[in-house]
Amino acid sequence: MAGFESLSIALDESTDLYDTAQLAIFILGVDKEFIVSEELLALQPLKGTTTGEDIFNEVQKVFISFGLPWSKVFGVCTDGVPSMVDLRKGFIGILNEKAIELNVQKDDLIVLHCIIHQQNLCSKSIRLQNVMNVLVKTINFN
C-alpha cells in the first residue's frame, strides 16, 4: 500500500449484533506498474456517535497507522448517508474543508454514491409477484 501512486477509498458504516457501529474502510490502489489492488483496509468500531467528524477521525487514524498520504486520494465512495456526504458536517465536507491542510486536490476528488445500497433498497420495495404477473402476461400474449 505504501507504493500506491493513486488510491481511492470506500466507506460503509453499519451496526453489528452488539449494537456497535462498525466503519469498514476499503482501499483501491494503483502502483507505478499499473497493478491494481483492492482490499479491506480496516474495520473500525465507532464508540458513541457516528458523525462525519467521528468517521473522518477514524479514517485519519487508519491512514496514519498505514502511512498513507491523503495527497494520493483521488476518489471516495460512500453509502450516501448525511454523516458521509453532508457538505458541511459529513465526512466529505470535512475532507473538503481540510483539503489544503491534508494536501488533497479537492477539485480533482471524485465522490461516488455506492449503487449497491440503492439496488438493495429497490429490491426490498419491489414485490416479485407484481413482476411475475407482468412477465406471465407478456409471455402469454395472444
N, C-alpha and C. Protein backbone atom coordinates (compact mmCIF):
# COMPACT_ATOMS: atom_id res chain seq x y z
N MET A 1 0.81 -1.20 0.00
CA MET A 1 0.00 0.00 0.00
C MET A 1 0.85 1.27 0.00
N ALA A 2 1.99 1.19 0.61
CA ALA A 2 2.86 2.36 0.65
C ALA A 2 3.34 2.74 -0.75
N GLY A 3 3.34 1.79 -1.69
CA GLY A 3 3.81 2.04 -3.04
C GLY A 3 2.73 2.52 -3.99
N PHE A 4 1.53 2.79 -3.51
CA PHE A 4 0.47 3.25 -4.38
C PHE A 4 0.78 4.65 -4.91
N GLU A 5 0.57 4.83 -6.21
CA GLU A 5 0.69 6.14 -6.83
C GLU A 5 -0.60 6.94 -6.65
N SER A 6 -1.72 6.25 -6.72
CA SER A 6 -3.05 6.84 -6.52
C SER A 6 -3.90 5.83 -5.79
N LEU A 7 -4.86 6.35 -5.02
CA LEU A 7 -5.75 5.42 -4.31
C LEU A 7 -7.12 6.04 -4.12
N SER A 8 -8.08 5.17 -3.94
CA SER A 8 -9.42 5.60 -3.59
C SER A 8 -9.89 4.77 -2.41
N ILE A 9 -10.86 5.31 -1.70
CA ILE A 9 -11.39 4.59 -0.55
C ILE A 9 -12.90 4.47 -0.67
N ALA A 10 -13.43 3.41 -0.10
CA ALA A 10 -14.87 3.21 0.02
C ALA A 10 -15.17 3.03 1.49
N LEU A 11 -16.18 3.74 1.96
CA LEU A 11 -16.53 3.72 3.38
C LEU A 11 -17.97 3.25 3.55
N ASP A 12 -18.18 2.41 4.55
CA ASP A 12 -19.53 1.97 4.87
C ASP A 12 -19.62 1.77 6.37
N GLU A 13 -20.65 2.33 6.95
CA GLU A 13 -20.86 2.21 8.39
C GLU A 13 -22.13 1.41 8.63
N SER A 14 -22.04 0.41 9.47
CA SER A 14 -23.21 -0.38 9.84
C SER A 14 -23.09 -0.79 11.31
N THR A 15 -24.17 -1.31 11.84
CA THR A 15 -24.21 -1.69 13.25
C THR A 15 -24.13 -3.20 13.37
N ASP A 16 -23.30 -3.69 14.28
CA ASP A 16 -23.15 -5.14 14.46
C ASP A 16 -24.18 -5.68 15.45
N LEU A 17 -24.10 -6.97 15.74
CA LEU A 17 -25.06 -7.64 16.63
C LEU A 17 -25.06 -7.07 18.04
N TYR A 18 -23.96 -6.46 18.44
CA TYR A 18 -23.84 -5.91 19.79
C TYR A 18 -24.17 -4.42 19.83
N ASP A 19 -24.81 -3.93 18.76
CA ASP A 19 -25.24 -2.54 18.66
C ASP A 19 -24.06 -1.56 18.66
N THR A 20 -22.94 -2.01 18.13
CA THR A 20 -21.77 -1.14 17.98
C THR A 20 -21.61 -0.79 16.50
N ALA A 21 -21.48 0.49 16.22
CA ALA A 21 -21.26 0.91 14.83
C ALA A 21 -19.87 0.49 14.39
N GLN A 22 -19.79 -0.07 13.20
CA GLN A 22 -18.51 -0.51 12.62
C GLN A 22 -18.30 0.24 11.31
N LEU A 23 -17.13 0.81 11.15
CA LEU A 23 -16.78 1.52 9.92
C LEU A 23 -15.84 0.65 9.10
N ALA A 24 -16.33 0.19 7.94
CA ALA A 24 -15.49 -0.59 7.03
C ALA A 24 -14.82 0.39 6.06
N ILE A 25 -13.49 0.27 5.98
CA ILE A 25 -12.71 1.13 5.09
C ILE A 25 -12.02 0.23 4.06
N PHE A 26 -12.44 0.37 2.81
CA PHE A 26 -11.83 -0.39 1.72
C PHE A 26 -10.89 0.54 0.96
N ILE A 27 -9.85 -0.03 0.40
CA ILE A 27 -8.89 0.77 -0.36
C ILE A 27 -8.67 0.12 -1.72
N LEU A 28 -8.58 0.95 -2.73
CA LEU A 28 -8.22 0.50 -4.07
C LEU A 28 -7.05 1.37 -4.49
N GLY A 29 -5.95 0.74 -4.84
CA GLY A 29 -4.76 1.50 -5.20
C GLY A 29 -4.11 1.00 -6.47
N VAL A 30 -3.37 1.90 -7.10
CA VAL A 30 -2.63 1.59 -8.32
C VAL A 30 -1.17 1.93 -8.07
N ASP A 31 -0.28 0.96 -8.35
CA ASP A 31 1.15 1.24 -8.17
C ASP A 31 1.76 1.72 -9.48
N LYS A 32 3.06 1.98 -9.49
CA LYS A 32 3.70 2.51 -10.70
C LYS A 32 3.78 1.52 -11.84
N GLU A 33 3.54 0.24 -11.57
CA GLU A 33 3.49 -0.79 -12.62
C GLU A 33 2.06 -0.93 -13.17
N PHE A 34 1.16 -0.09 -12.70
CA PHE A 34 -0.26 -0.11 -13.05
C PHE A 34 -0.96 -1.38 -12.57
N ILE A 35 -0.47 -1.94 -11.49
CA ILE A 35 -1.13 -3.09 -10.86
C ILE A 35 -2.13 -2.54 -9.86
N VAL A 36 -3.39 -2.99 -10.01
CA VAL A 36 -4.47 -2.51 -9.16
C VAL A 36 -4.68 -3.51 -8.03
N SER A 37 -4.76 -2.99 -6.81
CA SER A 37 -5.02 -3.82 -5.63
C SER A 37 -6.22 -3.25 -4.89
N GLU A 38 -7.06 -4.15 -4.40
CA GLU A 38 -8.22 -3.73 -3.63
C GLU A 38 -8.36 -4.65 -2.43
N GLU A 39 -8.59 -4.07 -1.25
CA GLU A 39 -8.76 -4.89 -0.07
C GLU A 39 -9.42 -4.10 1.05
N LEU A 40 -9.88 -4.85 2.05
CA LEU A 40 -10.41 -4.23 3.25
C LEU A 40 -9.22 -3.70 4.04
N LEU A 41 -9.16 -2.41 4.21
CA LEU A 41 -8.05 -1.79 4.92
C LEU A 41 -8.23 -1.90 6.43
N ALA A 42 -9.46 -1.63 6.90
CA ALA A 42 -9.70 -1.68 8.34
C ALA A 42 -11.19 -1.79 8.62
N LEU A 43 -11.50 -2.32 9.77
CA LEU A 43 -12.86 -2.35 10.30
C LEU A 43 -12.77 -1.71 11.68
N GLN A 44 -13.22 -0.47 11.76
CA GLN A 44 -13.04 0.33 12.97
C GLN A 44 -14.36 0.45 13.74
N PRO A 45 -14.37 0.10 15.02
CA PRO A 45 -15.57 0.34 15.83
C PRO A 45 -15.71 1.83 16.12
N LEU A 46 -16.92 2.32 16.03
CA LEU A 46 -17.20 3.72 16.35
C LEU A 46 -17.96 3.75 17.68
N LYS A 47 -17.33 4.21 18.70
CA LYS A 47 -17.94 4.27 20.03
C LYS A 47 -18.77 5.54 20.16
N GLY A 48 -19.97 5.40 20.65
CA GLY A 48 -20.83 6.57 20.87
C GLY A 48 -21.50 7.03 19.60
N THR A 49 -21.08 8.19 19.09
CA THR A 49 -21.74 8.79 17.93
C THR A 49 -21.07 8.38 16.61
N THR A 50 -21.79 8.61 15.52
CA THR A 50 -21.25 8.29 14.19
C THR A 50 -21.40 9.52 13.29
N THR A 51 -20.90 10.63 13.75
CA THR A 51 -20.97 11.86 12.97
C THR A 51 -19.90 11.86 11.88
N GLY A 52 -19.99 12.81 11.00
CA GLY A 52 -18.97 12.96 9.96
C GLY A 52 -17.59 13.15 10.56
N GLU A 53 -17.52 13.88 11.65
CA GLU A 53 -16.24 14.11 12.31
C GLU A 53 -15.69 12.81 12.91
N ASP A 54 -16.58 12.00 13.52
CA ASP A 54 -16.15 10.70 14.06
C ASP A 54 -15.58 9.82 12.96
N ILE A 55 -16.28 9.78 11.83
CA ILE A 55 -15.84 8.96 10.71
C ILE A 55 -14.52 9.47 10.16
N PHE A 56 -14.42 10.79 9.96
CA PHE A 56 -13.18 11.37 9.46
C PHE A 56 -12.01 11.04 10.39
N ASN A 57 -12.21 11.19 11.69
CA ASN A 57 -11.14 10.92 12.66
C ASN A 57 -10.67 9.47 12.60
N GLU A 58 -11.61 8.53 12.43
CA GLU A 58 -11.23 7.11 12.34
C GLU A 58 -10.45 6.83 11.06
N VAL A 59 -10.91 7.41 9.94
CA VAL A 59 -10.19 7.22 8.68
C VAL A 59 -8.80 7.84 8.79
N GLN A 60 -8.71 9.00 9.40
CA GLN A 60 -7.41 9.66 9.59
C GLN A 60 -6.47 8.77 10.41
N LYS A 61 -6.97 8.15 11.49
CA LYS A 61 -6.14 7.25 12.31
C LYS A 61 -5.61 6.08 11.47
N VAL A 62 -6.49 5.52 10.64
CA VAL A 62 -6.09 4.38 9.80
C VAL A 62 -5.04 4.83 8.78
N PHE A 63 -5.24 5.98 8.16
CA PHE A 63 -4.25 6.50 7.20
C PHE A 63 -2.89 6.67 7.87
N ILE A 64 -2.89 7.22 9.06
CA ILE A 64 -1.62 7.41 9.78
C ILE A 64 -0.99 6.07 10.12
N SER A 65 -1.79 5.12 10.60
CA SER A 65 -1.22 3.82 11.00
C SER A 65 -0.65 3.04 9.82
N PHE A 66 -1.20 3.24 8.62
CA PHE A 66 -0.69 2.54 7.43
C PHE A 66 0.29 3.40 6.63
N GLY A 67 0.52 4.61 7.07
CA GLY A 67 1.44 5.50 6.35
C GLY A 67 0.92 5.94 5.00
N LEU A 68 -0.39 6.11 4.88
CA LEU A 68 -1.00 6.50 3.60
C LEU A 68 -1.14 8.02 3.53
N PRO A 69 -0.64 8.63 2.48
CA PRO A 69 -0.77 10.09 2.33
C PRO A 69 -2.11 10.46 1.70
N TRP A 70 -2.77 11.45 2.27
CA TRP A 70 -4.03 11.93 1.70
C TRP A 70 -3.82 12.50 0.29
N SER A 71 -2.62 12.95 -0.01
CA SER A 71 -2.36 13.57 -1.31
C SER A 71 -2.56 12.60 -2.47
N LYS A 72 -2.57 11.30 -2.20
CA LYS A 72 -2.74 10.32 -3.27
C LYS A 72 -4.19 9.87 -3.46
N VAL A 73 -5.09 10.41 -2.62
CA VAL A 73 -6.51 10.04 -2.71
C VAL A 73 -7.16 10.80 -3.86
N PHE A 74 -7.76 10.04 -4.79
CA PHE A 74 -8.46 10.68 -5.90
C PHE A 74 -9.95 10.37 -5.90
N GLY A 75 -10.39 9.42 -5.06
CA GLY A 75 -11.80 9.05 -5.06
C GLY A 75 -12.27 8.55 -3.71
N VAL A 76 -13.55 8.85 -3.42
CA VAL A 76 -14.19 8.38 -2.21
C VAL A 76 -15.58 7.89 -2.59
N CYS A 77 -15.92 6.69 -2.12
CA CYS A 77 -17.23 6.11 -2.38
C CYS A 77 -17.90 5.86 -1.03
N THR A 78 -19.14 6.32 -0.87
CA THR A 78 -19.87 6.14 0.38
C THR A 78 -21.29 5.67 0.09
N ASP A 79 -22.02 5.41 1.16
CA ASP A 79 -23.40 4.94 1.00
C ASP A 79 -24.42 6.08 0.90
N GLY A 80 -23.99 7.32 0.98
CA GLY A 80 -24.88 8.44 0.76
C GLY A 80 -25.60 8.97 1.98
N VAL A 81 -25.33 8.45 3.17
CA VAL A 81 -25.98 8.96 4.38
C VAL A 81 -25.39 10.33 4.73
N PRO A 82 -26.16 11.17 5.42
CA PRO A 82 -25.67 12.52 5.74
C PRO A 82 -24.33 12.56 6.47
N SER A 83 -24.08 11.61 7.36
CA SER A 83 -22.80 11.63 8.08
C SER A 83 -21.62 11.40 7.14
N MET A 84 -21.89 10.91 5.96
CA MET A 84 -20.83 10.72 4.96
C MET A 84 -20.77 11.87 3.97
N VAL A 85 -21.90 12.30 3.44
CA VAL A 85 -21.89 13.20 2.29
C VAL A 85 -22.29 14.64 2.56
N ASP A 86 -22.77 14.95 3.75
CA ASP A 86 -23.15 16.33 4.03
C ASP A 86 -21.96 17.25 3.76
N LEU A 87 -22.21 18.33 3.04
CA LEU A 87 -21.11 19.20 2.60
C LEU A 87 -20.55 20.10 3.71
N ARG A 88 -21.20 20.11 4.87
CA ARG A 88 -20.65 20.87 6.00
C ARG A 88 -20.16 19.96 7.12
N LYS A 89 -21.00 19.02 7.53
CA LYS A 89 -20.67 18.21 8.71
C LYS A 89 -20.39 16.75 8.40
N GLY A 90 -20.54 16.35 7.16
CA GLY A 90 -20.27 14.97 6.78
C GLY A 90 -18.79 14.73 6.50
N PHE A 91 -18.44 13.46 6.31
CA PHE A 91 -17.06 13.10 6.02
C PHE A 91 -16.53 13.88 4.81
N ILE A 92 -17.32 13.94 3.74
CA ILE A 92 -16.89 14.64 2.51
C ILE A 92 -16.71 16.13 2.78
N GLY A 93 -17.62 16.74 3.52
CA GLY A 93 -17.50 18.15 3.85
C GLY A 93 -16.25 18.45 4.65
N ILE A 94 -15.96 17.58 5.63
CA ILE A 94 -14.76 17.77 6.45
C ILE A 94 -13.51 17.56 5.62
N LEU A 95 -13.53 16.55 4.74
CA LEU A 95 -12.39 16.32 3.86
C LEU A 95 -12.15 17.53 2.96
N ASN A 96 -13.21 18.09 2.40
CA ASN A 96 -13.07 19.29 1.57
C ASN A 96 -12.54 20.47 2.38
N GLU A 97 -13.02 20.60 3.61
CA GLU A 97 -12.58 21.69 4.49
C GLU A 97 -11.10 21.58 4.83
N LYS A 98 -10.63 20.35 5.01
CA LYS A 98 -9.23 20.13 5.41
C LYS A 98 -8.33 19.81 4.22
N ALA A 99 -8.84 20.00 3.01
CA ALA A 99 -8.11 19.60 1.81
C ALA A 99 -6.73 20.23 1.72
N ILE A 100 -6.63 21.51 1.99
CA ILE A 100 -5.33 22.19 1.88
C ILE A 100 -4.37 21.64 2.92
N GLU A 101 -4.86 21.52 4.15
CA GLU A 101 -4.02 21.00 5.24
C GLU A 101 -3.53 19.58 4.96
N LEU A 102 -4.41 18.76 4.33
CA LEU A 102 -4.06 17.36 4.05
C LEU A 102 -3.40 17.16 2.70
N ASN A 103 -3.29 18.24 1.90
CA ASN A 103 -2.70 18.17 0.57
C ASN A 103 -3.54 17.33 -0.39
N VAL A 104 -4.87 17.43 -0.24
CA VAL A 104 -5.81 16.73 -1.13
C VAL A 104 -6.20 17.70 -2.23
N GLN A 105 -6.17 17.22 -3.47
CA GLN A 105 -6.59 18.02 -4.61
C GLN A 105 -8.11 17.95 -4.71
N LYS A 106 -8.82 18.76 -3.91
CA LYS A 106 -10.27 18.61 -3.81
C LYS A 106 -10.99 18.87 -5.13
N ASP A 107 -10.42 19.67 -6.02
CA ASP A 107 -11.06 19.90 -7.32
C ASP A 107 -11.03 18.64 -8.18
N ASP A 108 -10.07 17.77 -7.94
CA ASP A 108 -9.95 16.53 -8.70
C ASP A 108 -10.55 15.33 -7.96
N LEU A 109 -11.04 15.54 -6.73
CA LEU A 109 -11.57 14.44 -5.93
C LEU A 109 -12.90 13.97 -6.49
N ILE A 110 -13.00 12.68 -6.76
CA ILE A 110 -14.23 12.08 -7.28
C ILE A 110 -14.98 11.46 -6.11
N VAL A 111 -16.22 11.90 -5.91
CA VAL A 111 -17.05 11.37 -4.83
C VAL A 111 -18.21 10.62 -5.46
N LEU A 112 -18.34 9.35 -5.10
CA LEU A 112 -19.37 8.49 -5.67
C LEU A 112 -20.30 7.96 -4.60
N HIS A 113 -21.54 7.72 -5.00
CA HIS A 113 -22.51 7.06 -4.13
C HIS A 113 -22.57 5.60 -4.55
N CYS A 114 -22.42 4.71 -3.60
CA CYS A 114 -22.39 3.27 -3.90
C CYS A 114 -23.75 2.82 -4.40
N ILE A 115 -23.81 2.25 -5.59
CA ILE A 115 -25.06 1.84 -6.20
C ILE A 115 -25.64 0.57 -5.57
N ILE A 116 -24.82 -0.21 -4.90
CA ILE A 116 -25.32 -1.44 -4.28
C ILE A 116 -26.37 -1.13 -3.23
N HIS A 117 -26.20 -0.03 -2.50
CA HIS A 117 -27.19 0.34 -1.49
C HIS A 117 -28.52 0.69 -2.15
N GLN A 118 -28.48 1.39 -3.28
CA GLN A 118 -29.70 1.72 -4.00
C GLN A 118 -30.37 0.46 -4.51
N GLN A 119 -29.59 -0.48 -5.02
CA GLN A 119 -30.14 -1.74 -5.51
C GLN A 119 -30.80 -2.50 -4.37
N ASN A 120 -30.16 -2.53 -3.22
CA ASN A 120 -30.71 -3.23 -2.07
C ASN A 120 -32.04 -2.62 -1.64
N LEU A 121 -32.10 -1.29 -1.59
CA LEU A 121 -33.35 -0.62 -1.22
C LEU A 121 -34.44 -0.91 -2.24
N CYS A 122 -34.07 -0.91 -3.51
CA CYS A 122 -35.04 -1.18 -4.58
C CYS A 122 -35.57 -2.61 -4.47
N SER A 123 -34.69 -3.56 -4.22
CA SER A 123 -35.11 -4.96 -4.15
C SER A 123 -36.03 -5.20 -2.97
N LYS A 124 -35.91 -4.40 -1.91
CA LYS A 124 -36.78 -4.55 -0.75
C LYS A 124 -38.16 -3.97 -1.02
N SER A 125 -38.24 -2.95 -1.87
CA SER A 125 -39.51 -2.27 -2.09
C SER A 125 -40.33 -2.90 -3.22
N ILE A 126 -39.70 -3.58 -4.13
CA ILE A 126 -40.43 -4.16 -5.25
C ILE A 126 -40.98 -5.54 -4.87
N ARG A 127 -42.18 -5.81 -5.29
CA ARG A 127 -42.79 -7.11 -4.99
C ARG A 127 -42.60 -8.03 -6.20
N LEU A 128 -41.99 -9.16 -5.94
CA LEU A 128 -41.68 -10.09 -7.01
C LEU A 128 -42.94 -10.57 -7.73
N GLN A 129 -44.05 -10.71 -7.00
CA GLN A 129 -45.29 -11.19 -7.61
C GLN A 129 -45.76 -10.21 -8.68
N ASN A 130 -45.62 -8.92 -8.45
CA ASN A 130 -46.01 -7.93 -9.45
C ASN A 130 -45.19 -8.09 -10.73
N VAL A 131 -43.91 -8.32 -10.58
CA VAL A 131 -43.03 -8.54 -11.72
C VAL A 131 -43.43 -9.81 -12.45
N MET A 132 -43.69 -10.87 -11.70
CA MET A 132 -44.08 -12.15 -12.32
C MET A 132 -45.39 -12.02 -13.08
N ASN A 133 -46.36 -11.28 -12.56
CA ASN A 133 -47.64 -11.10 -13.25
C ASN A 133 -47.43 -10.44 -14.61
N VAL A 134 -46.63 -9.39 -14.65
CA VAL A 134 -46.35 -8.70 -15.92
C VAL A 134 -45.61 -9.63 -16.86
N LEU A 135 -44.65 -10.37 -16.34
CA LEU A 135 -43.87 -11.30 -17.15
C LEU A 135 -44.75 -12.39 -17.76
N VAL A 136 -45.62 -12.98 -16.96
CA VAL A 136 -46.52 -14.04 -17.46
C VAL A 136 -47.46 -13.48 -18.52
N LYS A 137 -48.03 -12.30 -18.30
CA LYS A 137 -48.92 -11.69 -19.29
C LYS A 137 -48.19 -11.41 -20.59
N THR A 138 -46.95 -10.97 -20.49
CA THR A 138 -46.15 -10.66 -21.68
C THR A 138 -45.84 -11.93 -22.46
N ILE A 139 -45.46 -12.98 -21.77
CA ILE A 139 -45.11 -14.24 -22.43
C ILE A 139 -46.34 -14.90 -23.05
N ASN A 140 -47.47 -14.82 -22.36
CA ASN A 140 -48.70 -15.47 -22.84
C ASN A 140 -49.54 -14.57 -23.73
N PHE A 141 -48.99 -13.46 -24.20
CA PHE A 141 -49.73 -12.52 -25.03
C PHE A 141 -50.22 -13.21 -26.29
N ASN A 142 -51.49 -13.03 -26.58
CA ASN A 142 -52.10 -13.62 -27.80
C ASN A 142 -52.38 -12.57 -28.83
